[in-house]
Amino acid sequence: MYRNLLLMMLIITMLVSPLKILAAENLQSQIKPEEALTLGKCLKLALHNSQQIQEATKRVEIAGTSVKEAAGGFWPKIDYALFADKAEEAIYPYSKLVYQYAATDYSGAAIFLTQPLYLGGKLTDGFRLAKEQLNMTLENESQTKQRVTFQVKQAFYQVWLAEQILKTAQSSYDNLVQHVEQMENFYQAGTVSKFELLRAEVQRDSLKPQVITAQNDLQLAKLQMAILIGFSKEQNYSLAFDVDKLQIPEHMMVNVDQVLDSAYQNRPEMRRIKQTEQISEYQKKIAKAGYKPTVSLVGAYQGVSLDYVPGHWDDNKYWTLSLNISGNFFNGLATSAKVTGAQKSIELVSIQESGLRDQIKLEVEQSLQNIQESLEIIYANRSNIDMAKESLRLTQARFSEDMATTMDIMDSQLALDQALNGYYRGVVLYLTAQAKLDLAGGKD
């Protein structure tokens, strides 16, 4: 029996152990390490999580219901009515020749069917107006997506720039820390004065605020990116961006006229201007319909009961069919004012279109100028980086031979930092200007 008990415990252990291992693996899979985000992944996250896009999409859905509401006007309208009256004296709702019984109780039910036949074009133009307004909300959604795309690109590049500036500041601080350690050794050996050591320590400490500022800038840049892509502020992530793989042209090769033509055709704002003009046209037609008569067909079927007299309910059922034509002779010039207002709106659209074209042209020109400026900054600083690195190396070597001072090292380090940060800022300026040019040109 003891042997059987040991055998059973061994079997249970063999069954439970894999379950424990599997549970541990599942727990490890739920713990996500710091995620490396590419620009493409950031864009996908933003398009899915952006509150701006969600709001624009919801407006499209609301406009879609307005189209359905306008389409419902073409269908017949069916109404019903229930009524019950009680009077002190007998009620004769109909001719005495038809009904022999007076009634103090009068009740019944009716169904009415109304089919509009002609409303002066209000139904047709109202439906077209609702569809055009739906198209306008679709253009708003497209514009929102383009704007969010630019914001994500801009934030992505700003995070990368903040990371590089922090690396540069931290590297400079670390170099000065090593320099101070070297000065302390020289001071102990009696080859430098106390003043030289203190000056080196002051220069080291003066870089600490720059490191802290760079850390804060990076934190704020990452927070802004997190908001755009829908991450919580506690979620850690890094960027997967290799600047060495970036192909930067030596000269700007962009045809301004082609960019402008593309912008005038593809910018959602330009299409929305055309839609605004068409909406004003429909509103003008709807206003003019106020001058025209309306024609509708009304059918009714109802039954009444007088004191619930047995045998007389069927006699009190009847139906009617009527053709109604109505119009307006004078309404205080309200219709004329609506027509005039719609015409003024059409004239306003042409002015807005001219202003929008000027704005687009300005945006394109500014983007092109920024691209040209960024290329100059990139290549100017790229050539200075290697020279600044070599200058710092030589200065540190001369300092070891007591042929240079702490200020010489500081000057060389500052020149290298300026070259590196200038290059990084030039790259970000170039990429941001390219993204701005895509936005100005209406690219999705």
Protein backbone atom coordinates (compact mmCIF):
# COMPACT_ATOMS: atom_id res chain seq x y z
CA MET A 1 0.00 0.00 0.00
CA TYR A 2 2.87 2.33 0.81
CA ARG A 3 4.31 1.64 -2.66
CA ASN A 4 0.95 2.48 -4.29
CA LEU A 5 0.77 5.76 -2.36
CA LEU A 6 4.25 6.78 -3.56
CA LEU A 7 3.33 5.89 -7.11
CA MET A 8 0.18 8.03 -6.95
CA MET A 9 2.10 11.02 -5.55
CA LEU A 10 4.69 10.68 -8.31
CA ILE A 11 1.98 10.68 -10.98
CA ILE A 12 0.31 13.77 -9.46
CA THR A 13 3.68 15.57 -9.35
CA MET A 14 4.33 14.76 -13.00
CA LEU A 15 0.91 16.13 -13.97
CA VAL A 16 1.09 19.29 -11.89
CA SER A 17 4.65 20.34 -12.78
CA PRO A 18 3.94 21.03 -16.48
CA LEU A 19 0.89 23.05 -15.46
CA LYS A 20 3.04 25.18 -13.18
CA ILE A 21 5.57 25.72 -15.94
CA LEU A 22 2.80 26.64 -18.41
CA ALA A 23 1.27 29.07 -15.92
CA ALA A 24 4.65 30.71 -15.39
CA GLU A 25 5.16 31.03 -19.16
CA ASN A 26 1.72 32.63 -19.53
CA LEU A 27 2.56 35.09 -16.77
CA GLN A 28 5.81 35.99 -18.46
CA SER A 29 3.98 36.52 -21.78
CA GLN A 30 1.68 39.03 -20.10
CA ILE A 31 4.63 41.11 -18.89
CA LYS A 32 5.48 43.29 -21.86
CA PRO A 33 8.98 44.71 -22.06
CA GLU A 34 9.65 48.22 -23.31
CA GLU A 35 8.14 48.34 -26.77
CA ALA A 36 10.15 49.67 -29.73
CA LEU A 37 7.85 51.65 -32.01
CA THR A 38 8.46 52.38 -35.66
CA LEU A 39 6.87 55.38 -37.32
CA GLY A 40 4.48 53.09 -39.19
CA LYS A 41 3.29 51.45 -36.00
CA CYS A 42 2.80 54.83 -34.34
CA LEU A 43 0.66 55.94 -37.27
CA LYS A 44 -1.49 52.80 -37.08
CA LEU A 45 -1.98 53.24 -33.34
CA ALA A 46 -2.93 56.90 -33.77
CA LEU A 47 -5.41 56.23 -36.57
CA HIS A 48 -7.06 53.60 -34.35
CA ASN A 49 -6.96 55.42 -31.00
CA SER A 50 -7.08 59.13 -31.89
CA GLN A 51 -10.00 60.91 -30.26
CA GLN A 52 -9.94 63.48 -33.06
CA ILE A 53 -10.50 60.77 -35.67
CA GLN A 54 -13.13 59.07 -33.53
CA GLU A 55 -15.01 62.36 -33.27
CA ALA A 56 -14.82 62.91 -37.04
CA THR A 57 -16.03 59.35 -37.67
CA LYS A 58 -18.96 59.86 -35.32
CA ARG A 59 -19.94 63.00 -37.23
CA VAL A 60 -19.96 60.94 -40.43
CA GLU A 61 -22.34 58.48 -38.78
CA ILE A 62 -24.61 61.32 -37.65
CA ALA A 63 -24.65 62.78 -41.16
CA GLY A 64 -25.56 59.33 -42.49
CA THR A 65 -28.66 59.28 -40.31
CA SER A 66 -29.64 62.69 -41.74
CA VAL A 67 -29.54 61.18 -45.24
CA LYS A 68 -31.86 58.40 -44.12
CA GLU A 69 -34.15 60.97 -42.53
CA ALA A 70 -34.28 62.98 -45.77
CA ALA A 71 -34.99 59.81 -47.77
CA GLY A 72 -37.91 59.07 -45.44
CA GLY A 73 -39.71 62.12 -46.78
CA PHE A 74 -40.43 60.33 -50.07
CA TRP A 75 -42.41 57.61 -48.30
CA PRO A 76 -46.05 57.98 -47.30
CA LYS A 77 -46.76 59.11 -43.78
CA ILE A 78 -49.14 56.97 -41.73
CA ASP A 79 -50.72 58.45 -38.61
CA TYR A 80 -53.37 57.22 -36.22
CA ALA A 81 -55.80 58.82 -33.79
CA LEU A 82 -57.87 57.51 -30.90
CA PHE A 83 -60.62 59.61 -29.37
CA ALA A 84 -63.32 59.32 -26.73
CA ASP A 85 -65.82 62.01 -25.66
CA LYS A 86 -68.54 62.08 -23.06
CA ALA A 87 -71.13 64.84 -22.98
CA GLU A 88 -73.95 65.86 -20.68
CA GLU A 89 -76.42 66.00 -23.54
CA ALA A 90 -76.74 63.90 -26.64
CA ILE A 91 -74.15 64.40 -29.35
CA TYR A 92 -75.16 64.43 -32.99
CA PRO A 93 -71.84 64.32 -34.78
CA TYR A 94 -73.48 63.35 -38.06
CA SER A 95 -76.74 63.88 -39.86
CA LYS A 96 -79.91 62.71 -38.11
CA LEU A 97 -80.95 61.09 -41.36
CA VAL A 98 -78.07 58.65 -41.03
CA TYR A 99 -78.07 58.00 -37.30
CA GLN A 100 -81.28 57.52 -35.40
CA TYR A 101 -79.65 57.36 -32.01
CA ALA A 102 -78.39 60.27 -30.01
CA ALA A 103 -75.29 59.65 -27.97
CA THR A 104 -73.66 61.03 -24.86
CA ASP A 105 -70.64 58.74 -25.41
CA TYR A 106 -68.65 59.26 -28.59
CA SER A 107 -65.45 57.25 -29.28
CA GLY A 108 -63.55 55.89 -32.21
CA ALA A 109 -60.27 55.39 -34.06
CA ALA A 110 -58.82 56.62 -37.35
CA ILE A 111 -55.84 55.96 -39.61
CA PHE A 112 -54.50 58.63 -41.95
CA LEU A 113 -52.13 58.11 -44.87
CA THR A 114 -50.46 61.16 -46.41
CA GLN A 115 -48.43 60.93 -49.59
CA PRO A 116 -46.65 64.10 -50.77
CA LEU A 117 -46.93 64.44 -54.54
CA TYR A 118 -45.24 67.78 -55.15
CA LEU A 119 -43.48 70.10 -52.69
CA GLY A 120 -41.79 72.42 -55.11
CA GLY A 121 -38.57 70.38 -55.09
CA LYS A 122 -38.06 70.45 -51.31
CA LEU A 123 -37.88 66.68 -50.98
CA THR A 124 -35.45 66.08 -53.85
CA ASP A 125 -33.19 69.01 -53.05
CA GLY A 126 -33.36 68.25 -49.33
CA PHE A 127 -32.18 64.70 -49.99
CA ARG A 128 -29.35 65.95 -52.20
CA LEU A 129 -28.44 68.50 -49.55
CA ALA A 130 -28.19 65.78 -46.88
CA LYS A 131 -25.97 63.65 -49.14
CA GLU A 132 -23.69 66.62 -49.83
CA GLN A 133 -23.43 67.32 -46.12
CA LEU A 134 -22.49 63.66 -45.61
CA ASN A 135 -19.75 64.03 -48.23
CA MET A 136 -18.52 67.11 -46.40
CA THR A 137 -18.20 65.20 -43.13
CA LEU A 138 -16.26 62.53 -45.02
CA GLU A 139 -13.85 65.20 -46.21
CA ASN A 140 -13.58 66.47 -42.63
CA GLU A 141 -12.68 62.95 -41.55
CA SER A 142 -10.05 62.72 -44.28
CA GLN A 143 -8.59 66.07 -43.28
CA THR A 144 -8.52 64.99 -39.63
CA LYS A 145 -6.61 61.83 -40.54
CA GLN A 146 -4.09 63.84 -42.54
CA ARG A 147 -3.64 66.29 -39.68
CA VAL A 148 -3.21 63.49 -37.12
CA THR A 149 -0.69 61.82 -39.45
CA PHE A 150 1.37 65.00 -39.51
CA GLN A 151 1.10 65.42 -35.74
CA VAL A 152 2.33 61.86 -35.17
CA LYS A 153 5.26 62.32 -37.54
CA GLN A 154 6.18 65.60 -35.90
CA ALA A 155 5.93 64.11 -32.40
CA PHE A 156 7.90 61.02 -33.47
CA TYR A 157 10.77 63.16 -34.76
CA GLN A 158 10.67 65.36 -31.65
CA VAL A 159 11.01 62.31 -29.39
CA TRP A 160 13.98 61.09 -31.43
CA LEU A 161 15.55 64.57 -31.31
CA ALA A 162 15.07 64.74 -27.53
CA GLU A 163 16.73 61.33 -27.20
CA GLN A 164 19.75 62.44 -29.23
CA ILE A 165 20.12 65.71 -27.33
CA LEU A 166 19.97 63.79 -24.05
CA LYS A 167 22.65 61.38 -25.31
CA THR A 168 24.84 64.29 -26.31
CA ALA A 169 24.38 66.07 -22.98
CA GLN A 170 24.98 62.87 -21.01
CA SER A 171 28.08 62.07 -23.06
CA SER A 172 29.48 65.55 -22.45
CA TYR A 173 28.80 65.26 -18.74
CA ASP A 174 30.43 61.82 -18.58
CA ASN A 175 33.50 63.15 -20.40
CA LEU A 176 33.84 65.97 -17.90
CA VAL A 177 33.41 63.54 -15.01
CA GLN A 178 36.37 61.58 -16.36
CA HIS A 179 38.26 64.84 -16.86
CA VAL A 180 37.65 65.84 -13.22
CA GLU A 181 38.91 62.44 -12.06
CA GLN A 182 42.01 62.98 -14.14
CA MET A 183 42.45 66.47 -12.64
CA GLU A 184 42.16 65.04 -9.16
CA ASN A 185 44.98 62.62 -9.94
CA PHE A 186 47.08 65.48 -11.28
CA TYR A 187 46.28 67.55 -8.19
CA GLN A 188 47.33 64.72 -5.90
CA ALA A 189 50.55 64.46 -7.90
CA GLY A 190 51.05 68.21 -7.57
CA THR A 191 51.05 68.95 -11.30
CA VAL A 192 47.94 71.20 -11.25
CA SER A 193 46.72 73.79 -8.80
CA LYS A 194 43.66 73.71 -6.58
CA PHE A 195 42.15 76.43 -8.77
CA GLU A 196 42.45 74.26 -11.90
CA LEU A 197 40.72 71.40 -10.10
CA LEU A 198 37.91 73.64 -8.86
CA ARG A 199 37.41 75.10 -12.32
CA ALA A 200 37.09 71.61 -13.78
CA GLU A 201 34.54 70.67 -11.10
CA VAL A 202 32.54 73.86 -11.81
CA GLN A 203 32.50 73.11 -15.52
CA ARG A 204 31.34 69.55 -14.79
CA ASP A 205 28.56 70.73 -12.48
CA SER A 206 27.44 73.35 -14.98
CA LEU A 207 26.49 70.57 -17.41
CA LYS A 208 24.26 68.76 -14.93
CA PRO A 209 21.28 71.14 -15.46
CA GLN A 210 21.58 70.56 -19.20
CA VAL A 211 21.24 66.82 -18.64
CA ILE A 212 18.20 67.33 -16.40
CA THR A 213 16.61 69.69 -18.94
CA ALA A 214 17.19 67.16 -21.71
CA GLN A 215 15.62 64.44 -19.57
CA ASN A 216 12.54 66.59 -18.93
CA ASP A 217 12.24 67.49 -22.62
CA LEU A 218 12.37 63.83 -23.55
CA GLN A 219 9.73 62.97 -20.96
CA LEU A 220 7.38 65.67 -22.26
CA ALA A 221 7.97 64.66 -25.90
CA LYS A 222 7.20 61.02 -25.11
CA LEU A 223 4.08 62.05 -23.19
CA GLN A 224 2.83 64.01 -26.19
CA MET A 225 3.47 61.00 -28.43
CA ALA A 226 1.70 58.71 -25.96
CA ILE A 227 -1.38 60.91 -26.04
CA LEU A 228 -1.47 60.81 -29.85
CA ILE A 229 -1.12 57.03 -30.13
CA GLY A 230 -3.36 56.18 -27.18
CA PHE A 231 -0.73 54.96 -24.73
CA SER A 232 -1.00 55.59 -21.01
CA LYS A 233 1.62 57.92 -19.55
CA GLU A 234 3.02 55.05 -17.48
CA GLN A 235 3.64 52.82 -20.48
CA ASN A 236 7.29 52.60 -21.49
CA TYR A 237 8.32 52.62 -25.11
CA SER A 238 11.26 53.49 -27.29
CA LEU A 239 11.61 54.48 -30.92
CA ALA A 240 12.99 52.28 -33.66
CA PHE A 241 14.57 54.84 -35.98
CA ASP A 242 17.94 54.53 -37.70
CA VAL A 243 19.08 57.88 -38.99
CA ASP A 244 21.95 56.25 -40.90
CA LYS A 245 19.43 54.57 -43.20
CA LEU A 246 17.83 57.91 -43.98
CA GLN A 247 18.50 59.02 -47.54
CA ILE A 248 18.91 62.78 -47.57
CA PRO A 249 19.37 64.42 -50.99
CA GLU A 250 22.05 66.98 -51.55
CA HIS A 251 19.65 69.34 -53.28
CA MET A 252 15.91 69.86 -53.16
CA MET A 253 14.26 68.36 -56.22
CA VAL A 254 10.61 69.45 -56.06
CA ASN A 255 8.43 70.97 -58.76
CA VAL A 256 6.43 73.70 -57.07
CA ASP A 257 3.74 73.83 -59.76
CA GLN A 258 3.13 70.09 -59.52
CA VAL A 259 2.84 70.27 -55.74
CA LEU A 260 0.36 73.14 -56.00
CA ASP A 261 -1.72 71.37 -58.65
CA SER A 262 -1.82 68.27 -56.46
CA ALA A 263 -2.79 70.35 -53.44
CA TYR A 264 -5.62 72.11 -55.27
CA GLN A 265 -7.01 68.74 -56.35
CA ASN A 266 -6.37 66.58 -53.28
CA ARG A 267 -6.71 68.89 -50.29
CA PRO A 268 -9.94 68.00 -48.43
CA GLU A 269 -10.43 71.71 -47.78
CA MET A 270 -10.60 72.41 -51.52
CA ARG A 271 -13.15 69.66 -52.08
CA ARG A 272 -15.11 70.91 -49.09
CA ILE A 273 -15.22 74.39 -50.61
CA LYS A 274 -16.85 72.93 -53.73
CA GLN A 275 -19.29 71.03 -51.54
CA THR A 276 -20.14 74.21 -49.64
CA GLU A 277 -20.97 75.89 -52.92
CA GLN A 278 -23.22 72.98 -53.93
CA ILE A 279 -24.92 73.02 -50.54
CA SER A 280 -25.66 76.73 -50.98
CA GLU A 281 -27.18 75.96 -54.38
CA TYR A 282 -29.50 73.34 -52.85
CA GLN A 283 -30.43 75.70 -50.05
CA LYS A 284 -31.32 78.33 -52.65
CA LYS A 285 -33.57 75.87 -54.51
CA ILE A 286 -35.25 74.82 -51.27
CA ALA A 287 -35.85 78.48 -50.43
CA LYS A 288 -37.36 79.10 -53.88
CA ALA A 289 -39.74 76.20 -53.30
CA GLY A 290 -41.54 78.52 -50.89
CA TYR A 291 -42.98 80.31 -53.93
CA LYS A 292 -44.50 77.10 -55.28
CA PRO A 293 -47.64 75.22 -54.21
CA THR A 294 -47.58 71.85 -52.45
CA VAL A 295 -49.70 68.91 -53.49
CA SER A 296 -50.43 65.90 -51.30
CA LEU A 297 -52.84 62.99 -51.25
CA VAL A 298 -54.52 62.17 -47.93
CA GLY A 299 -56.45 59.00 -47.23
CA ALA A 300 -58.35 58.39 -43.99
CA TYR A 301 -60.24 55.44 -42.54
CA GLN A 302 -62.06 55.71 -39.26
CA GLY A 303 -64.81 54.21 -37.18
CA VAL A 304 -66.91 55.71 -34.38
CA SER A 305 -69.22 54.31 -31.75
CA LEU A 306 -72.20 56.16 -30.27
CA ASP A 307 -73.06 54.91 -26.79
CA TYR A 308 -71.75 51.50 -27.95
CA VAL A 309 -75.11 50.74 -29.52
CA PRO A 310 -75.12 47.09 -30.68
CA GLY A 311 -75.52 46.67 -34.38
CA HIS A 312 -74.53 50.22 -35.26
CA TRP A 313 -70.69 49.98 -35.19
CA ASP A 314 -70.37 48.78 -38.75
CA ASP A 315 -72.56 51.60 -39.96
CA ASN A 316 -70.15 54.13 -38.50
CA LYS A 317 -67.03 53.03 -40.43
CA TYR A 318 -66.06 55.09 -43.43
CA TRP A 319 -63.06 56.19 -45.51
CA THR A 320 -62.12 59.40 -47.32
CA LEU A 321 -59.59 60.28 -50.00
CA SER A 322 -58.66 63.90 -50.62
CA LEU A 323 -56.24 65.83 -52.77
CA ASN A 324 -54.81 68.86 -50.99
CA ILE A 325 -53.22 71.80 -52.80
CA SER A 326 -51.84 74.62 -50.70
CA GLY A 327 -49.63 77.61 -51.16
CA ASN A 328 -48.69 80.98 -49.78
CA PHE A 329 -49.50 84.43 -51.09
CA PHE A 330 -47.49 86.49 -48.58
CA ASN A 331 -45.30 85.58 -45.60
CA GLY A 332 -43.65 88.89 -44.81
CA LEU A 333 -40.96 88.46 -47.51
CA ALA A 334 -39.42 85.61 -45.52
CA THR A 335 -39.03 83.43 -48.63
CA SER A 336 -37.37 86.27 -50.53
CA ALA A 337 -34.91 86.78 -47.66
CA LYS A 338 -34.03 83.06 -47.64
CA VAL A 339 -33.34 83.09 -51.38
CA THR A 340 -31.18 86.22 -51.07
CA GLY A 341 -29.24 84.73 -48.15
CA ALA A 342 -28.54 81.52 -50.09
CA GLN A 343 -27.27 83.56 -53.05
CA LYS A 344 -24.95 85.54 -50.77
CA SER A 345 -23.60 82.26 -49.41
CA ILE A 346 -22.74 81.18 -52.96
CA GLU A 347 -20.86 84.44 -53.51
CA LEU A 348 -19.04 83.99 -50.19
CA VAL A 349 -17.73 80.58 -51.27
CA SER A 350 -15.80 82.06 -54.20
CA ILE A 351 -14.06 84.49 -51.84
CA GLN A 352 -13.22 81.67 -49.42
CA GLU A 353 -11.82 79.54 -52.24
CA SER A 354 -9.48 82.33 -53.33
CA GLY A 355 -8.25 82.78 -49.77
CA LEU A 356 -7.73 79.03 -49.34
CA ARG A 357 -5.65 78.85 -52.51
CA ASP A 358 -3.41 81.62 -51.20
CA GLN A 359 -3.07 79.82 -47.86
CA ILE A 360 -2.13 76.54 -49.56
CA LYS A 361 0.46 78.28 -51.70
CA LEU A 362 1.98 79.89 -48.60
CA GLU A 363 2.14 76.52 -46.79
CA VAL A 364 3.83 74.88 -49.77
CA GLU A 365 6.37 77.70 -50.11
CA GLN A 366 7.19 77.60 -46.39
CA SER A 367 7.65 73.83 -46.48
CA LEU A 368 9.99 74.06 -49.46
CA GLN A 369 12.02 76.80 -47.80
CA ASN A 370 12.31 74.71 -44.63
CA ILE A 371 13.48 71.72 -46.66
CA GLN A 372 16.15 73.81 -48.36
CA GLU A 373 17.23 75.30 -45.05
CA SER A 374 17.39 71.88 -43.38
CA LEU A 375 19.61 70.47 -46.12
CA GLU A 376 22.08 73.30 -45.60
CA ILE A 377 22.07 72.71 -41.84
CA ILE A 378 22.52 68.94 -42.21
CA TYR A 379 25.51 69.05 -44.54
CA ALA A 380 27.17 71.94 -42.72
CA ASN A 381 27.03 70.14 -39.37
CA ARG A 382 27.78 66.70 -40.82
CA SER A 383 31.17 67.94 -42.04
CA ASN A 384 31.83 69.59 -38.67
CA ILE A 385 31.12 66.49 -36.57
CA ASP A 386 34.18 64.50 -37.63
CA MET A 387 36.41 67.54 -37.27
CA ALA A 388 34.98 68.34 -33.81
CA LYS A 389 35.49 64.74 -32.64
CA GLU A 390 39.10 64.78 -33.81
CA SER A 391 39.67 68.18 -32.21
CA LEU A 392 38.37 66.90 -28.87
CA ARG A 393 40.56 63.80 -29.08
CA LEU A 394 43.67 65.85 -29.82
CA THR A 395 42.86 68.34 -27.07
CA GLN A 396 42.48 65.54 -24.51
CA ALA A 397 45.79 64.09 -25.66
CA ARG A 398 47.52 67.46 -25.33
CA PHE A 399 45.99 67.89 -21.89
CA SER A 400 47.55 64.60 -20.82
CA GLU A 401 50.88 66.04 -21.92
CA ASP A 402 50.17 69.26 -19.98
CA MET A 403 49.87 71.18 -23.24
CA ALA A 404 46.17 72.16 -22.94
CA THR A 405 43.85 73.47 -20.25
CA THR A 406 40.39 72.61 -18.98
CA MET A 407 38.97 75.51 -20.97
CA ASP A 408 40.47 74.04 -24.15
CA ILE A 409 38.69 70.77 -23.47
CA MET A 410 35.45 72.64 -22.72
CA ASP A 411 35.69 74.55 -25.99
CA SER A 412 36.31 71.35 -27.96
CA GLN A 413 33.45 69.57 -26.19
CA LEU A 414 31.12 72.50 -26.84
CA ALA A 415 32.03 72.54 -30.54
CA LEU A 416 31.25 68.82 -30.79
CA ASP A 417 27.95 69.21 -28.95
CA GLN A 418 26.91 72.07 -31.23
CA ALA A 419 27.78 70.07 -34.34
CA LEU A 420 25.90 66.98 -33.15
CA ASN A 421 22.82 68.85 -31.98
CA GLY A 422 22.84 71.01 -35.09
CA TYR A 423 22.91 67.89 -37.26
CA TYR A 424 20.09 66.25 -35.30
CA ARG A 425 17.97 69.39 -35.47
CA GLY A 426 18.62 69.66 -39.19
CA VAL A 427 17.45 66.09 -39.72
CA VAL A 428 14.28 66.70 -37.73
CA LEU A 429 13.66 69.97 -39.57
CA TYR A 430 14.03 68.14 -42.89
CA LEU A 431 11.71 65.28 -41.92
CA THR A 432 9.12 67.62 -40.41
CA ALA A 433 9.22 69.87 -43.47
CA GLN A 434 8.69 66.83 -45.70
CA ALA A 435 5.70 65.81 -43.58
CA LYS A 436 4.37 69.36 -43.73
CA LEU A 437 4.77 69.35 -47.52
CA ASP A 438 2.80 66.10 -47.70
CA LEU A 439 0.08 67.70 -45.59
CA ALA A 440 0.06 70.85 -47.71
CA GLY A 441 -0.12 68.72 -50.86
CA GLY A 442 -3.09 66.72 -49.58
CA LYS A 443 -1.34 63.35 -49.40
CA ASP A 444 -3.04 60.69 -47.29
